[in-house]
């Protein structure tokens, strides 16, 4: 989801980005490890760290 501030003069800017990825791991995998790894990856993400707006990442971990 993108939050946008559009003042009506043809301009605008993103004010927030919400990411909701789905991470799939093996049924025998450790969900808490997957969540920690994903959190670390987001913290070190070049793109997210280069943006001027907050980027929230709420990953869903599925064990299959």
Protein backbone atom coordinates (compact mmCIF):
# COMPACT_ATOMS: atom_id res chain seq x y z
CA UNK A 1 0.00 0.00 0.00
CA UNK A 2 1.19 3.51 -0.75
CA UNK A 3 0.07 6.58 1.18
CA UNK A 4 0.09 9.71 -0.96
CA UNK A 5 -0.10 13.41 -0.17
CA UNK A 6 -1.61 15.05 -3.29
CA UNK A 7 -2.32 18.75 -2.72
CA UNK A 8 -4.34 19.08 -5.95
CA UNK A 9 -1.87 21.20 -7.92
CA UNK A 10 -0.67 18.25 -10.00
CA UNK A 11 2.17 17.38 -7.64
CA UNK A 12 2.33 15.04 -4.75
CA UNK A 13 4.56 12.71 -2.81
CA UNK A 14 4.49 9.34 -1.14
CA UNK A 15 4.18 9.62 2.62
CA UNK A 16 4.46 5.94 3.53
CA UNK A 17 4.96 2.53 1.91
CA UNK A 18 3.50 -0.61 3.50
CA UNK A 19 4.84 -3.94 2.23
CA UNK A 20 3.08 -7.22 2.99
CA UNK A 21 5.20 -10.02 1.52
CA UNK A 22 4.47 -13.69 2.03
CA UNK A 23 7.48 -15.81 2.98
CA UNK A 24 7.10 -19.56 2.48
CA UNK A 25 9.28 -22.00 4.40
CA UNK A 26 9.34 -25.78 4.78
CA UNK A 27 6.91 -27.27 7.26
CA UNK A 28 9.91 -28.37 9.33
CA UNK A 29 11.33 -24.82 9.28
CA UNK A 30 11.55 -22.45 12.22
CA UNK A 31 9.04 -19.63 11.78
CA UNK A 32 10.77 -17.37 14.33
CA UNK A 33 14.11 -17.72 12.50
CA UNK A 34 12.42 -16.83 9.19
CA UNK A 35 10.84 -13.74 10.78
CA UNK A 36 14.18 -12.59 12.25
CA UNK A 37 16.00 -13.13 8.96
CA UNK A 38 13.34 -11.18 7.08
CA UNK A 39 13.52 -8.34 9.61
CA UNK A 40 17.31 -8.17 9.27
CA UNK A 41 17.04 -8.18 5.47
CA UNK A 42 14.57 -5.28 5.61
CA UNK A 43 16.82 -3.29 7.98
CA UNK A 44 19.76 -3.72 5.58
CA UNK A 45 17.77 -3.16 2.37
CA UNK A 46 19.50 -0.66 0.06
CA UNK A 47 16.23 0.48 -1.51
CA UNK A 48 14.36 0.91 1.79
CA UNK A 49 17.31 2.76 3.32
CA UNK A 50 17.49 5.10 0.31
CA UNK A 51 13.86 6.25 0.47
CA UNK A 52 12.81 9.45 2.18
CA UNK A 53 9.54 7.98 3.42
CA UNK A 54 8.97 5.29 6.05
CA UNK A 55 8.72 1.77 4.69
CA UNK A 56 6.90 -0.71 6.90
CA UNK A 57 7.27 -4.40 6.24
CA UNK A 58 4.76 -6.85 7.70
CA UNK A 59 5.76 -10.25 6.41
CA UNK A 60 3.51 -13.27 6.71
CA UNK A 61 5.42 -16.53 7.21
CA UNK A 62 3.76 -19.68 5.89
CA UNK A 63 5.01 -23.17 6.76
CA UNK A 64 4.18 -25.67 4.01
